[in-house]
């Protein structure tokens, strides 16, 4: 290896470290880890867990979302057309594919931890993915466990599943 190759390699490593720091900070400010649970008639239990990692930006900053697609090598950018008083549409970088969440997103944020309260949401999100990898979302007890975790994330209102269970459970539901 020539000396110039070593210099270039060191520069590339420095740029990657800067990018990683920027991504962690950006996700701390603009990212969201969620695991909504939807009614789904095709699922045995009638419910489906749809974990998602997302980052939103206005149209004028869409390029940074495209950078996330390139950096992580997964996910897509979607347009959310706005029909309110905002001047530009919103775009969302979303990763929903289970294998990408489990094998790309979770390991990245385990190796490069978030620094704000979003870290707690990430840990809960990772726990839900772990439960799903053990197929717990396919059992009644497991989906209730997942719903209880998801309910504590992102200042969410109680999930429809938990509301239904509370309304139809004779003993106090915790």
Protein backbone atom coordinates (compact mmCIF):
# COMPACT_ATOMS: atom_id res chain seq x y z
CA UNK A 1 0.00 0.00 0.00
CA UNK A 2 1.34 3.41 -0.93
CA UNK A 3 1.48 6.30 1.51
CA UNK A 4 -1.16 8.18 -0.49
CA UNK A 5 -3.50 5.18 -0.10
CA UNK A 6 -3.08 5.36 3.70
CA UNK A 7 -3.90 9.06 3.71
CA UNK A 8 -7.00 8.51 1.57
CA UNK A 9 -8.14 5.64 3.81
CA UNK A 10 -7.74 7.82 6.91
CA UNK A 11 -9.71 10.62 5.24
CA UNK A 12 -12.49 8.20 4.29
CA UNK A 13 -12.63 6.91 7.87
CA UNK A 14 -12.86 10.48 9.23
CA UNK A 15 -15.69 11.30 6.81
CA UNK A 16 -17.56 8.15 7.83
CA UNK A 17 -17.21 9.04 11.53
CA UNK A 18 -18.54 12.54 10.81
CA UNK A 19 -21.47 11.04 8.89
CA UNK A 20 -22.25 8.66 11.75
CA UNK A 21 -22.23 11.50 14.28
CA UNK A 22 -24.46 13.58 12.04
CA UNK A 23 -26.92 10.70 11.54
CA UNK A 24 -27.17 9.99 15.27
CA UNK A 25 -27.81 13.67 16.01
CA UNK A 26 -30.26 14.03 13.14
CA UNK A 27 -32.27 10.97 14.24
CA UNK A 28 -32.18 12.20 17.85
CA UNK A 29 -33.91 15.37 16.63
CA UNK A 30 -36.10 14.20 13.77
CA UNK A 31 -36.40 10.40 13.92
CA UNK A 32 -39.12 8.15 15.25
CA UNK A 33 -39.20 4.49 16.26
CA UNK A 34 -42.72 3.13 16.38
CA UNK A 35 -44.64 -0.15 16.42
CA UNK A 36 -48.31 0.51 15.70
CA UNK A 37 -50.73 -2.39 15.90
CA UNK A 38 -53.50 -2.55 13.33
CA UNK A 39 -56.62 -4.64 12.91
CA UNK A 40 -55.97 -7.16 10.15
CA UNK A 41 -58.58 -9.71 9.16
CA UNK A 42 -56.03 -11.92 7.41
CA UNK A 43 -53.98 -12.45 10.57
CA UNK A 44 -54.94 -15.34 12.88
CA UNK A 45 -55.34 -13.05 15.92
CA UNK A 46 -56.90 -10.24 13.88
CA UNK A 47 -54.00 -7.87 14.68
CA UNK A 48 -50.74 -6.99 12.95
CA UNK A 49 -47.67 -5.26 14.40
CA UNK A 50 -45.99 -2.92 11.88
CA UNK A 51 -42.68 -1.64 13.33
CA UNK A 52 -41.20 1.34 11.55
CA UNK A 53 -38.19 3.63 11.75
CA UNK A 54 -38.89 7.00 10.13
CA UNK A 55 -37.35 10.43 9.71
CA UNK A 56 -39.40 13.33 8.30
CA UNK A 57 -38.34 16.51 6.54
CA UNK A 58 -39.88 19.19 4.36
CA UNK A 59 -39.45 19.01 0.59
CA UNK A 60 -36.58 21.50 0.65
CA UNK A 61 -34.51 19.05 2.74
CA UNK A 62 -35.47 15.83 0.97
CA UNK A 63 -31.85 15.27 -0.10
CA UNK A 64 -30.83 14.37 3.47
CA UNK A 65 -33.44 11.60 3.48
CA UNK A 66 -31.98 10.26 0.24
CA UNK A 67 -28.61 10.32 2.01
CA UNK A 68 -30.08 8.05 4.72
CA UNK A 69 -31.22 5.57 2.05
CA UNK A 70 -27.67 5.53 0.66
CA UNK A 71 -26.01 5.29 4.06
CA UNK A 72 -28.16 2.48 5.46
CA UNK A 73 -28.73 0.71 2.13
CA UNK A 74 -32.40 0.15 2.96
CA UNK A 75 -35.69 1.96 3.32
CA UNK A 76 -37.45 4.36 0.98
CA UNK A 77 -38.44 8.00 0.86
CA UNK A 78 -42.17 8.76 0.56
CA UNK A 79 -43.95 12.02 -0.18
CA UNK A 80 -46.73 13.10 2.18
CA UNK A 81 -48.66 15.74 0.24
CA UNK A 82 -49.88 18.52 2.47
CA UNK A 83 -53.20 20.26 2.20
CA UNK A 84 -52.83 22.73 5.04
CA UNK A 85 -51.16 26.11 5.40
CA UNK A 86 -47.59 24.78 5.08
CA UNK A 87 -45.59 25.87 2.06
CA UNK A 88 -44.10 22.52 1.16
CA UNK A 89 -44.89 18.83 1.17
CA UNK A 90 -43.32 16.55 3.75
CA UNK A 91 -41.13 13.58 2.95
CA UNK A 92 -40.45 10.56 5.16
CA UNK A 93 -37.56 8.15 5.09
CA UNK A 94 -39.11 4.88 6.27
CA UNK A 95 -37.70 1.47 7.04
CA UNK A 96 -40.45 -1.10 7.56
CA UNK A 97 -38.91 -4.35 6.35
CA UNK A 98 -38.38 -6.51 9.43
CA UNK A 99 -34.98 -7.87 8.36
CA UNK A 100 -33.69 -4.34 7.62
CA UNK A 101 -34.89 -3.10 10.99
CA UNK A 102 -33.36 -6.04 12.85
CA UNK A 103 -30.12 -6.39 10.87
CA UNK A 104 -29.30 -2.80 9.87
CA UNK A 105 -31.11 -0.17 11.96
CA UNK A 106 -30.98 -1.81 15.41
CA UNK A 107 -27.28 -2.79 15.19
CA UNK A 108 -26.36 0.72 13.99
CA UNK A 109 -28.07 2.43 16.94
CA UNK A 110 -26.75 -0.17 19.38
CA UNK A 111 -23.21 0.62 18.19
CA UNK A 112 -23.88 4.38 17.98
CA UNK A 113 -26.38 5.18 20.77
CA UNK A 114 -28.82 8.04 20.64
CA UNK A 115 -28.29 10.71 23.28
CA UNK A 116 -31.77 12.06 24.00
CA UNK A 117 -34.91 10.53 25.45
CA UNK A 118 -35.40 8.98 22.02
CA UNK A 119 -32.93 6.35 23.18
CA UNK A 120 -35.59 4.88 25.49
CA UNK A 121 -38.03 4.62 22.58
CA UNK A 122 -35.31 2.92 20.54
CA UNK A 123 -34.70 0.36 23.31
CA UNK A 124 -38.42 -0.41 23.49
CA UNK A 125 -38.53 -0.66 19.70
CA UNK A 126 -35.58 -3.10 19.73
CA UNK A 127 -37.37 -5.14 22.42
CA UNK A 128 -40.49 -5.38 20.25
CA UNK A 129 -38.38 -6.55 17.30
CA UNK A 130 -36.78 -9.15 19.56
CA UNK A 131 -40.20 -10.40 20.66
CA UNK A 132 -41.28 -10.56 17.03
CA UNK A 133 -38.16 -12.49 16.04
CA UNK A 134 -39.27 -15.05 18.63
CA UNK A 135 -42.73 -15.04 16.98
CA UNK A 136 -44.43 -13.63 20.09
CA UNK A 137 -46.57 -11.35 17.92
CA UNK A 138 -48.37 -14.49 16.73
CA UNK A 139 -49.69 -15.33 20.21
CA UNK A 140 -52.37 -13.52 22.22
CA UNK A 141 -50.09 -13.04 25.24
CA UNK A 142 -47.24 -11.87 23.03
CA UNK A 143 -49.25 -9.30 21.11
CA UNK A 144 -50.60 -7.92 24.40
CA UNK A 145 -47.01 -7.67 25.70
CA UNK A 146 -46.00 -5.84 22.51
CA UNK A 147 -49.02 -3.51 22.75
CA UNK A 148 -48.12 -2.62 26.34
CA UNK A 149 -44.59 -1.69 25.26
CA UNK A 150 -45.76 0.22 22.19
CA UNK A 151 -48.25 2.16 24.28
CA UNK A 152 -45.37 3.69 26.28
CA UNK A 153 -43.53 4.94 23.19
CA UNK A 154 -43.72 8.41 21.63
CA UNK A 155 -46.42 9.74 23.98
CA UNK A 156 -49.00 7.54 22.28
CA UNK A 157 -52.61 7.16 23.17
CA UNK A 158 -53.59 3.65 24.27
CA UNK A 159 -53.73 1.27 21.32
CA UNK A 160 -57.07 0.07 20.06
CA UNK A 161 -56.08 -3.46 21.08
CA UNK A 162 -55.45 -2.45 24.69
CA UNK A 163 -58.67 -0.40 24.81
CA UNK A 164 -60.65 -3.41 23.60
CA UNK A 165 -58.96 -5.71 26.10
CA UNK A 166 -59.58 -3.29 28.96
CA UNK A 167 -63.24 -2.92 27.96
CA UNK A 168 -63.81 -6.69 27.77
CA UNK A 169 -61.70 -7.99 30.64
CA UNK A 170 -63.61 -8.72 33.87
CA UNK A 171 -60.64 -8.14 36.22
CA UNK A 172 -58.63 -4.90 36.16
CA UNK A 173 -56.32 -5.00 33.15
CA UNK A 174 -52.79 -3.83 33.76
